[in-house]
Amino acid sequence: MEAQVKQLKEWIDQSDNIVFFGGAGVSTESGIPDFRSVDGLYNQQYKYPPETILSRTFFDANPEEFYRFYRNKMLALDAAPNAAHLKLAEWEKAGKLRAIVTQNIDGLHQKAGSKEVLELHGSVLRNYCMRCRRPYDARDIAAGKGVPKCTCGGMIKPDVVLYEESLDSYTMNKSLEYIRRADILIIGGTSLAVYPAAGLINYYGGTKLVLINKTPTPADRRADLVIHGPIGEIFSQL
């Protein structure tokens, strides 16, 4: 791994057009669990798999159960950025990193100081009334019980993209543009299993595609540099 990290550092030192595309593995080192992993607590408390609970159909039909899972598993408002978040913010401030494209909804990139963050799946920090569009703070949602309601009587929904919902076209198109123009594309903390987000890497035409993940991904064979390990630990060496 030492040689790969050294190579990555050389590329970064020479570039001012880096784009980072990240997934859940970027935030697990901040104590935010990947909801795809099934733990004992999950088995004891929920009758449905996460993909079912986090679907629009389930949200509409079973909002009480949705919010029970959501408050318990998806809201980690006191989590702190880790070495990966902080290093990316540092690169952006130094004029090296152009944008972060993330599948995460926790807002930790912004908490670390990053400005140009494209959130493909939305953010738990934004919530709105489905009737009048009034915004609500995430801490109000976390502190409440049952289904949160607006003062107008409408139901409040987190500004996250649920299964069966489309990604925001503006965010997608802007992400594509950054990736298309990038000198270095670093993909970190994602298995590249969730589409259409995972398909964004097909728009990168450069010669410095970097994949950093704990386990192999379907795109490893296409990459110019592959590093297997925790991304925060690797970024702390750069």
Protein backbone atom coordinates (compact mmCIF):
# COMPACT_ATOMS: atom_id res chain seq x y z
CA MET A 1 0.00 0.00 0.00
CA GLU A 2 2.91 2.35 0.70
CA ALA A 3 3.85 2.59 -3.00
CA GLN A 4 0.25 3.31 -4.04
CA VAL A 5 -0.13 6.06 -1.43
CA LYS A 6 3.14 7.61 -2.60
CA GLN A 7 1.92 7.55 -6.21
CA LEU A 8 -1.38 9.16 -5.24
CA LYS A 9 0.41 11.90 -3.30
CA GLU A 10 2.56 12.70 -6.35
CA TRP A 11 -0.52 13.00 -8.56
CA ILE A 12 -2.29 15.24 -6.06
CA ASP A 13 0.75 17.49 -5.63
CA GLN A 14 0.79 18.04 -9.42
CA SER A 15 -2.95 18.66 -9.92
CA ASP A 16 -5.39 21.53 -9.47
CA ASN A 17 -8.39 19.74 -10.97
CA ILE A 18 -9.33 16.89 -8.62
CA VAL A 19 -12.89 15.61 -8.22
CA PHE A 20 -13.85 13.26 -5.39
CA PHE A 21 -16.79 10.84 -5.61
CA GLY A 22 -17.63 9.19 -2.29
CA GLY A 23 -20.04 6.84 -0.60
CA ALA A 24 -20.95 5.47 2.83
CA GLY A 25 -17.42 4.29 3.59
CA VAL A 26 -16.30 7.91 3.89
CA SER A 27 -18.57 8.39 6.91
CA THR A 28 -18.26 5.04 8.68
CA GLU A 29 -15.04 6.25 10.30
CA SER A 30 -17.11 9.05 11.85
CA GLY A 31 -19.30 6.44 13.51
CA ILE A 32 -22.12 6.54 10.97
CA PRO A 33 -23.02 2.94 10.09
CA ASP A 34 -23.62 1.77 6.56
CA PHE A 35 -27.34 1.00 6.70
CA ARG A 36 -26.82 -1.92 4.32
CA SER A 37 -24.96 -3.83 7.01
CA VAL A 38 -27.38 -5.85 9.14
CA ASP A 39 -26.56 -5.87 12.86
CA GLY A 40 -28.19 -7.56 15.83
CA LEU A 41 -30.02 -4.40 16.91
CA TYR A 42 -31.50 -4.05 13.44
CA ASN A 43 -32.74 -7.65 13.46
CA GLN A 44 -34.41 -7.15 16.82
CA GLN A 45 -36.18 -3.92 15.99
CA TYR A 46 -37.35 -3.94 12.38
CA LYS A 47 -39.51 -6.29 10.35
CA TYR A 48 -38.40 -4.90 6.98
CA PRO A 49 -35.03 -4.53 5.21
CA PRO A 50 -33.59 -0.99 4.96
CA GLU A 51 -34.23 -0.80 1.21
CA THR A 52 -37.95 -1.37 1.84
CA ILE A 53 -38.23 1.13 4.70
CA LEU A 54 -36.33 3.78 2.72
CA SER A 55 -38.63 3.57 -0.30
CA ARG A 56 -41.21 6.18 -1.26
CA THR A 57 -43.96 3.57 -1.24
CA PHE A 58 -43.15 2.64 2.37
CA PHE A 59 -42.82 6.29 3.42
CA ASP A 60 -46.29 7.05 2.09
CA ALA A 61 -47.91 3.91 3.50
CA ASN A 62 -46.09 3.56 6.86
CA PRO A 63 -44.72 6.97 7.92
CA GLU A 64 -44.67 6.00 11.63
CA GLU A 65 -42.39 3.01 11.00
CA PHE A 66 -40.32 5.02 8.51
CA TYR A 67 -39.61 7.71 11.10
CA ARG A 68 -38.84 5.17 13.81
CA PHE A 69 -36.11 3.70 11.60
CA TYR A 70 -35.03 7.11 10.29
CA ARG A 71 -34.47 8.67 13.73
CA ASN A 72 -32.68 5.59 15.02
CA LYS A 73 -30.50 4.74 12.03
CA MET A 74 -30.18 7.73 9.70
CA LEU A 75 -29.78 10.75 11.98
CA ALA A 76 -26.28 11.20 13.43
CA LEU A 77 -26.31 14.95 13.97
CA ASP A 78 -23.46 14.98 16.47
CA ALA A 79 -21.04 13.01 14.29
CA ALA A 80 -17.75 14.77 13.54
CA PRO A 81 -15.82 14.84 10.25
CA ASN A 82 -12.93 12.38 10.02
CA ALA A 83 -9.53 12.60 8.31
CA ALA A 84 -11.02 12.04 4.85
CA HIS A 85 -13.54 14.89 5.17
CA LEU A 86 -10.89 17.23 6.56
CA LYS A 87 -8.30 16.40 3.88
CA LEU A 88 -10.81 17.04 1.09
CA ALA A 89 -11.70 20.42 2.60
CA GLU A 90 -7.99 21.21 2.84
CA TRP A 91 -7.47 20.39 -0.86
CA GLU A 92 -10.40 22.55 -1.88
CA LYS A 93 -9.08 25.49 0.14
CA ALA A 94 -5.67 25.03 -1.52
CA GLY A 95 -7.28 25.22 -4.98
CA LYS A 96 -6.63 21.58 -5.83
CA LEU A 97 -10.09 20.03 -5.44
CA ARG A 98 -12.89 21.32 -7.64
CA ALA A 99 -15.87 19.40 -6.24
CA ILE A 100 -17.09 16.58 -4.03
CA VAL A 101 -19.84 14.37 -5.43
CA THR A 102 -21.33 12.34 -2.58
CA GLN A 103 -23.92 9.65 -2.07
CA ASN A 104 -23.99 10.49 1.65
CA ILE A 105 -26.75 12.49 3.31
CA ASP A 106 -25.03 13.42 6.59
CA GLY A 107 -23.59 16.87 5.77
CA LEU A 108 -20.15 16.00 7.15
CA HIS A 109 -18.30 17.37 4.12
CA GLN A 110 -19.83 20.81 4.77
CA LYS A 111 -19.13 20.47 8.50
CA ALA A 112 -15.47 19.89 7.60
CA GLY A 113 -15.43 23.11 5.58
CA SER A 114 -16.01 21.96 1.99
CA LYS A 115 -18.03 24.37 -0.17
CA GLU A 116 -18.69 22.68 -3.51
CA VAL A 117 -20.53 19.54 -2.38
CA LEU A 118 -22.99 17.88 -4.75
CA GLU A 119 -25.33 15.67 -2.72
CA LEU A 120 -26.78 13.08 -5.09
CA HIS A 121 -29.12 11.65 -2.47
CA GLY A 122 -30.00 14.86 -0.63
CA SER A 123 -29.38 15.66 3.04
CA VAL A 124 -30.93 14.84 6.41
CA LEU A 125 -30.14 18.44 7.41
CA ARG A 126 -32.90 19.74 5.15
CA ASN A 127 -36.56 18.94 5.79
CA TYR A 128 -39.70 20.48 4.37
CA CYS A 129 -43.47 20.38 4.65
CA MET A 130 -44.97 18.43 1.77
CA ARG A 131 -47.95 20.81 1.68
CA CYS A 132 -46.55 24.34 2.08
CA ARG A 133 -42.78 23.66 1.63
CA ARG A 134 -41.86 25.33 4.94
CA PRO A 135 -38.33 24.23 5.98
CA TYR A 136 -37.61 22.46 9.27
CA ASP A 137 -34.36 21.88 11.15
CA ALA A 138 -33.07 18.33 11.48
CA ARG A 139 -32.76 18.67 15.26
CA ASP A 140 -36.48 19.35 15.50
CA ILE A 141 -37.11 16.11 13.60
CA ALA A 142 -34.66 14.17 15.79
CA ALA A 143 -36.21 15.47 19.03
CA GLY A 144 -39.79 14.69 18.00
CA LYS A 145 -41.82 11.50 18.15
CA GLY A 146 -44.06 9.89 15.59
CA VAL A 147 -44.68 11.55 12.22
CA PRO A 148 -43.54 15.21 12.24
CA LYS A 149 -46.20 17.67 11.15
CA CYS A 150 -46.00 21.26 9.97
CA THR A 151 -47.98 24.06 11.60
CA CYS A 152 -50.18 23.95 8.48
CA GLY A 153 -50.97 20.29 9.17
CA GLY A 154 -48.88 18.86 6.34
CA MET A 155 -46.45 16.00 6.83
CA ILE A 156 -42.73 16.85 6.95
CA LYS A 157 -40.35 14.90 4.70
CA PRO A 158 -36.56 14.80 4.85
CA ASP A 159 -34.92 16.18 1.71
CA VAL A 160 -33.40 12.80 0.90
CA VAL A 161 -33.87 10.74 -2.25
CA LEU A 162 -35.75 7.59 -1.32
CA TYR A 163 -35.80 4.42 -3.37
CA GLU A 164 -38.26 4.85 -6.29
CA GLU A 165 -37.55 8.60 -6.41
CA SER A 166 -35.47 10.25 -9.13
CA LEU A 167 -32.19 12.01 -8.49
CA ASP A 168 -32.20 15.77 -8.93
CA SER A 169 -31.33 16.46 -12.58
CA TYR A 170 -29.43 19.69 -11.84
CA THR A 171 -27.19 17.97 -9.29
CA MET A 172 -26.61 15.04 -11.64
CA ASN A 173 -25.71 17.23 -14.61
CA LYS A 174 -23.36 19.40 -12.57
CA SER A 175 -21.66 16.27 -11.19
CA LEU A 176 -21.23 14.94 -14.72
CA GLU A 177 -19.57 18.16 -15.83
CA TYR A 178 -17.07 18.14 -12.98
CA ILE A 179 -16.25 14.46 -13.54
CA ARG A 180 -15.92 14.90 -17.30
CA ARG A 181 -13.42 17.74 -16.90
CA ALA A 182 -11.42 16.29 -14.00
CA ASP A 183 -7.71 15.59 -14.21
CA ILE A 184 -7.89 13.16 -11.28
CA LEU A 185 -11.07 11.35 -10.23
CA ILE A 186 -10.80 9.80 -6.77
CA ILE A 187 -13.57 7.37 -5.85
CA GLY A 188 -13.67 6.47 -2.18
CA GLY A 189 -15.75 4.51 0.30
CA THR A 190 -18.26 3.12 -2.17
CA SER A 191 -18.92 -0.33 -3.59
CA LEU A 192 -20.23 1.33 -6.78
CA ALA A 193 -23.38 -0.78 -6.47
CA VAL A 194 -26.04 1.96 -6.38
CA TYR A 195 -27.22 3.27 -9.74
CA PRO A 196 -27.56 5.71 -11.39
CA ALA A 197 -24.93 7.34 -9.17
CA ALA A 198 -22.34 4.60 -9.76
CA GLY A 199 -22.65 5.14 -13.51
CA LEU A 200 -21.19 8.65 -13.20
CA ILE A 201 -17.64 7.31 -13.40
CA ASN A 202 -18.31 6.30 -17.02
CA TYR A 203 -18.08 10.00 -17.88
CA TYR A 204 -14.48 10.27 -16.72
CA GLY A 205 -12.09 10.10 -19.66
CA GLY A 206 -8.81 10.90 -17.93
CA THR A 207 -5.85 8.70 -17.05
CA LYS A 208 -5.83 9.05 -13.26
CA LEU A 209 -8.84 7.11 -11.98
CA VAL A 210 -8.20 6.26 -8.32
CA LEU A 211 -10.28 3.77 -6.33
CA ILE A 212 -10.00 3.64 -2.54
CA ASN A 213 -12.21 1.15 -0.72
CA LYS A 214 -11.93 -1.50 1.97
CA THR A 215 -13.05 -4.21 -0.44
CA PRO A 216 -12.73 -4.69 -4.22
CA THR A 217 -15.30 -3.02 -6.51
CA PRO A 218 -16.53 -3.88 -10.01
CA ALA A 219 -14.52 -0.93 -11.35
CA ASP A 220 -11.13 -1.94 -9.90
CA ARG A 221 -9.96 -3.37 -13.22
CA ARG A 222 -10.65 -0.02 -14.92
CA ALA A 223 -8.75 2.05 -12.38
CA ASP A 224 -5.26 3.46 -12.84
CA LEU A 225 -4.60 3.17 -9.11
CA VAL A 226 -6.36 0.95 -6.54
CA ILE A 227 -5.84 1.19 -2.77
CA HIS A 228 -7.68 -1.15 -0.42
CA GLY A 229 -8.13 0.15 3.12
CA PRO A 230 -10.08 2.63 5.29
CA ILE A 231 -10.18 5.92 3.43
CA GLY A 232 -9.61 8.13 6.48
CA GLU A 233 -6.50 6.18 7.38
CA ILE A 234 -5.19 6.47 3.82
CA PHE A 235 -6.01 10.17 3.47
CA SER A 236 -4.20 10.93 6.73
CA GLN A 237 -0.99 9.81 4.98
CA LEU A 238 -1.41 12.29 2.10
